[in-house]
N, C-alpha and C. Protein backbone atom coordinates (compact mmCIF):
# COMPACT_ATOMS: atom_id res chain seq x y z
N MET A 1 0.59 -1.12 -0.07
CA MET A 1 -0.14 -0.04 -0.28
C MET A 1 0.83 1.32 -0.11
N ALA A 2 0.34 2.39 -0.97
CA ALA A 2 1.30 3.36 -0.98
C ALA A 2 1.18 4.22 0.23
N GLY A 3 1.99 4.97 0.52
CA GLY A 3 2.30 6.09 1.99
C GLY A 3 2.15 5.40 2.90
N ARG A 4 2.24 4.07 3.34
CA ARG A 4 2.42 3.08 4.39
C ARG A 4 4.30 3.23 5.01
N LEU A 5 4.23 3.43 6.19
CA LEU A 5 5.30 3.29 6.55
C LEU A 5 6.00 2.25 7.01
N ASP A 6 6.95 1.47 6.82
CA ASP A 6 7.45 0.34 7.11
C ASP A 6 7.90 0.14 8.70
N ASP A 7 8.10 -0.93 9.49
CA ASP A 7 9.31 -0.51 10.80
C ASP A 7 9.77 -0.03 10.95
N VAL A 8 10.84 0.27 10.21
CA VAL A 8 12.35 0.78 10.55
C VAL A 8 11.90 2.59 10.47
N GLN A 9 11.06 3.04 9.39
CA GLN A 9 10.70 4.07 9.16
C GLN A 9 9.91 4.91 10.08
N LEU A 10 8.63 4.17 10.78
CA LEU A 10 8.29 3.97 12.01
C LEU A 10 9.00 4.47 13.06
N PHE A 11 10.05 3.28 13.26
CA PHE A 11 10.92 3.37 14.30
C PHE A 11 11.54 4.73 14.53
N ARG A 12 12.29 5.06 13.38
CA ARG A 12 13.05 6.43 13.63
C ARG A 12 11.94 7.58 13.56
N ARG A 13 10.93 7.50 13.43
CA ARG A 13 9.98 8.79 13.58
C ARG A 13 9.75 9.08 15.10
N ILE A 14 9.39 7.95 15.58
CA ILE A 14 9.51 8.47 17.14
C ILE A 14 10.05 8.65 18.03
N ARG A 15 9.83 9.66 18.62
CA ARG A 15 10.96 10.42 19.48
C ARG A 15 11.07 9.98 20.66
N ASN A 16 9.88 9.34 21.37
CA ASN A 16 10.01 9.13 22.99
C ASN A 16 10.23 7.31 22.70
N ARG A 17 11.02 6.86 22.78
CA ARG A 17 10.89 5.16 22.76
C ARG A 17 11.19 4.46 24.05
N THR A 18 10.16 3.88 24.46
CA THR A 18 10.17 3.14 25.62
C THR A 18 11.91 2.08 25.69
N TRP A 19 11.91 1.83 26.81
CA TRP A 19 13.47 1.24 26.87
C TRP A 19 13.47 0.13 26.74
N ALA A 20 11.90 -0.60 26.70
CA ALA A 20 12.07 -1.94 26.31
C ALA A 20 12.34 -2.03 24.67
N ASP A 21 11.71 -0.75 23.76
CA ASP A 21 11.98 -0.94 22.68
C ASP A 21 13.29 -0.19 22.21
N LEU A 22 14.24 -0.06 22.95
CA LEU A 22 15.70 0.46 22.68
C LEU A 22 16.27 -1.04 23.00
N MET A 23 16.15 -1.73 23.88
CA MET A 23 16.84 -2.89 23.88
C MET A 23 16.57 -4.00 23.14
N GLN A 24 15.02 -4.21 22.68
CA GLN A 24 15.13 -4.76 21.59
C GLN A 24 15.71 -4.19 20.52
N ARG A 25 16.07 -3.45 20.08
CA ARG A 25 16.70 -2.69 19.03
C ARG A 25 17.69 -3.24 19.07
N SER A 26 18.64 -2.80 20.11
CA SER A 26 19.53 -2.77 20.57
C SER A 26 20.59 -4.14 20.71
N PHE A 27 19.60 -5.26 21.54
CA PHE A 27 20.49 -6.41 21.93
C PHE A 27 19.38 -7.79 21.22
N GLY A 28 18.20 -7.11 20.56
CA GLY A 28 17.34 -8.05 19.54
C GLY A 28 16.93 -8.93 20.48
N CYS A 29 16.40 -8.78 22.07
CA CYS A 29 15.76 -9.50 22.73
C CYS A 29 14.77 -9.05 23.28
N ASP A 30 13.37 -9.55 23.36
CA ASP A 30 12.60 -8.67 23.86
C ASP A 30 12.52 -8.92 25.74
N VAL A 31 12.81 -7.60 26.09
CA VAL A 31 13.12 -7.78 27.63
C VAL A 31 11.69 -7.84 28.34
N LEU A 32 10.54 -7.86 27.84
CA LEU A 32 8.95 -8.12 28.42
C LEU A 32 8.57 -9.26 28.12
N ALA A 33 9.14 -10.39 27.56
CA ALA A 33 8.55 -11.56 27.12
C ALA A 33 8.55 -12.29 28.43
N CYS A 34 7.68 -12.71 29.14
CA CYS A 34 7.70 -13.99 29.79
C CYS A 34 8.24 -14.80 29.72
N PRO A 35 9.54 -15.33 30.34
CA PRO A 35 10.05 -16.49 29.98
C PRO A 35 9.17 -17.88 30.37
N ARG A 36 7.89 -17.78 31.24
CA ARG A 36 7.32 -19.16 31.45
C ARG A 36 6.29 -19.27 30.87
N CYS A 37 5.79 -18.00 30.40
CA CYS A 37 4.26 -18.30 29.45
C CYS A 37 4.05 -17.38 28.16
N PRO A 38 3.24 -17.41 27.10
CA PRO A 38 3.51 -16.29 26.09
C PRO A 38 3.11 -14.61 26.52
N GLY A 39 2.43 -14.79 27.99
CA GLY A 39 2.61 -13.44 28.45
C GLY A 39 3.59 -12.34 28.05
N ARG A 40 2.79 -11.27 28.65
CA ARG A 40 4.21 -9.99 28.61
C ARG A 40 4.40 -9.67 30.66
N LEU A 41 5.41 -9.10 30.64
CA LEU A 41 5.86 -8.91 31.86
C LEU A 41 5.58 -7.38 32.19
N ARG A 42 5.45 -6.65 33.52
CA ARG A 42 5.55 -5.34 32.92
C ARG A 42 6.08 -4.81 34.43
N LEU A 43 6.77 -3.34 34.23
CA LEU A 43 7.46 -2.93 35.21
C LEU A 43 6.10 -2.15 36.01
N VAL A 44 6.62 -2.66 37.48
CA VAL A 44 5.92 -2.15 38.51
C VAL A 44 6.70 -1.32 39.64
N ALA A 45 7.69 -1.06 39.78
CA ALA A 45 8.89 -0.23 40.47
C ALA A 45 9.83 -0.08 40.04
N LEU A 46 10.45 0.80 40.56
CA LEU A 46 11.80 1.50 40.07
C LEU A 46 12.71 1.52 41.76
N ILE A 47 13.66 0.75 41.48
CA ILE A 47 13.90 1.17 42.93
C ILE A 47 15.50 2.09 43.06
N ARG A 48 15.63 3.15 43.54
CA ARG A 48 16.48 4.02 43.63
C ARG A 48 17.70 4.04 44.80
N ALA A 49 16.89 3.59 45.94
CA ALA A 49 17.56 3.69 47.08
C ALA A 49 18.73 3.10 46.96
N PRO A 50 19.87 3.65 47.29
CA PRO A 50 21.21 2.85 47.39
C PRO A 50 21.27 1.40 48.26
N ASP A 51 20.49 1.65 49.37
CA ASP A 51 20.57 0.76 50.62
C ASP A 51 19.85 -0.69 50.08
N VAL A 52 18.44 -0.20 49.46
CA VAL A 52 17.90 -1.10 49.34
C VAL A 52 18.63 -2.02 47.90
N VAL A 53 18.91 -1.47 46.88
CA VAL A 53 20.13 -1.97 45.75
C VAL A 53 20.58 -2.75 46.24
N GLY A 54 21.72 -2.21 47.03
CA GLY A 54 22.50 -3.41 48.11
C GLY A 54 22.22 -4.47 48.55
N ARG A 55 21.21 -4.59 49.28
CA ARG A 55 20.37 -5.51 49.95
C ARG A 55 20.24 -6.56 48.40
N ILE A 56 19.28 -6.22 47.96
CA ILE A 56 18.87 -7.19 46.88
C ILE A 56 20.32 -7.82 46.11
N LEU A 57 21.31 -7.12 46.02
CA LEU A 57 21.93 -7.53 45.35
C LEU A 57 22.70 -8.58 46.07
N ARG A 58 23.13 -8.45 47.31
CA ARG A 58 23.68 -9.22 48.17
C ARG A 58 22.79 -10.27 48.50
N HIS A 59 21.67 -10.32 48.33
CA HIS A 59 20.46 -11.60 48.75
C HIS A 59 20.78 -12.37 47.38
N LEU A 60 20.85 -11.70 46.34
CA LEU A 60 21.04 -12.48 44.93
C LEU A 60 22.36 -13.11 44.88
N GLY A 61 23.38 -12.54 45.66
CA GLY A 61 24.72 -13.02 45.44
C GLY A 61 25.43 -12.17 44.38
N LEU A 62 25.30 -11.15 44.38
CA LEU A 62 25.78 -10.55 42.95
C LEU A 62 26.75 -9.26 43.75
N PRO A 63 27.71 -8.81 43.22
CA PRO A 63 28.78 -7.88 43.66
C PRO A 63 27.81 -6.32 43.87
N ASP A 64 27.98 -5.67 45.25
CA ASP A 64 27.01 -4.42 45.73
C ASP A 64 27.93 -3.35 45.36
N THR A 65 29.27 -3.09 44.81
CA THR A 65 29.96 -2.48 44.85
C THR A 65 30.44 -1.88 43.60
N VAL A 66 31.09 -0.70 43.51
CA VAL A 66 31.41 -0.39 42.17
C VAL A 66 32.74 -1.00 41.90
N PRO A 67 32.88 -1.45 40.68
CA PRO A 67 34.58 -1.90 40.64
C PRO A 67 35.50 -0.65 40.88
N THR A 68 36.95 -1.20 40.74
CA THR A 68 37.86 -0.02 40.88
C THR A 68 38.23 0.39 39.29
N ARG A 69 38.29 1.55 39.31
CA ARG A 69 39.05 2.37 37.85
C ARG A 69 40.07 1.47 37.42
N ARG A 70 40.41 0.78 36.70
CA ARG A 70 42.04 0.44 36.05
C ARG A 70 41.68 1.40 35.04
N ARG A 71 43.27 0.88 34.52
CA ARG A 71 44.19 1.79 33.43
C ARG A 71 43.82 1.23 32.03
N ALA A 72 43.33 2.18 31.24
CA ALA A 72 43.03 1.92 30.17
C ALA A 72 44.30 1.22 29.19
N ARG A 73 44.06 0.45 28.65
CA ARG A 73 44.80 -0.29 27.88
C ARG A 73 45.65 0.39 26.75
N ASP A 74 46.95 0.32 26.50
CA ASP A 74 47.25 1.01 25.21
C ASP A 74 47.22 1.17 24.24
N ALA A 75 47.36 1.75 22.89
CA ALA A 75 46.88 2.13 22.11
C ALA A 75 47.82 0.78 21.03
N PRO A 76 47.08 0.16 19.99
CA PRO A 76 47.63 -0.93 19.32
C PRO A 76 49.10 -0.45 18.62
N VAL A 77 49.91 -1.26 18.66
CA VAL A 77 51.28 -0.87 17.71
C VAL A 77 50.85 -0.41 16.49
N PRO A 78 51.36 0.62 15.81
CA PRO A 78 51.42 0.74 14.49
C PRO A 78 52.27 -0.30 13.32
N LEU A 79 51.32 -0.17 12.21
CA LEU A 79 51.85 -1.41 11.77
C LEU A 79 53.40 -1.48 11.00
N ASP A 80 53.78 -0.23 10.92
CA ASP A 80 54.70 -0.12 10.02
C ASP A 80 56.06 -0.49 11.19
N TRP A 81 55.66 -0.31 12.35
CA TRP A 81 56.64 -0.67 13.51
C TRP A 81 56.92 -2.08 13.88
N VAL A 82 55.99 -2.53 13.47
CA VAL A 82 56.03 -3.95 13.31
C VAL A 82 57.07 -4.72 12.67
N ALA A 83 58.11 -5.65 13.14
CA ALA A 83 59.13 -5.84 12.48
C ALA A 83 58.88 -6.99 11.16
N ALA A 84 59.15 -6.80 10.26
CA ALA A 84 59.12 -8.02 9.00
C ALA A 84 59.44 -9.14 9.21
N PRO A 85 58.74 -10.40 8.80
CA PRO A 85 59.19 -11.56 8.76
C PRO A 85 60.59 -11.68 8.10
N THR A 86 61.46 -12.73 8.40
CA THR A 86 62.67 -12.92 7.78
C THR A 86 62.92 -14.10 7.31
N SER A 87 63.59 -14.65 6.38
CA SER A 87 63.55 -15.97 5.42
C SER A 87 64.03 -16.98 6.55
N ASP A 88 65.10 -16.73 7.17
CA ASP A 88 65.88 -17.62 8.07
C ASP A 88 65.49 -17.77 9.45
N CYS A 89 64.05 -18.32 9.52
CA CYS A 89 62.88 -18.74 10.44
C CYS A 89 62.54 -20.18 10.01
């Protein structure tokens, strides 16, 4: 049908996308699909209190502290600096 937008064009036109739509587009998985049934999950709360988040993470056996910052790795070696192979190997 002429004048209809396909899914890609429609997705580009929507300015306020939900986080679930962005996760679907970025990672290719539907984060709201129930793993046990064909139903849909729904967000019921956001937990922003750091002490509550820490208690939940500890209960699940996950780390509850921010990892220490590590030094960035060095830049790759330019190709002209790498030694050329020799014929006596």
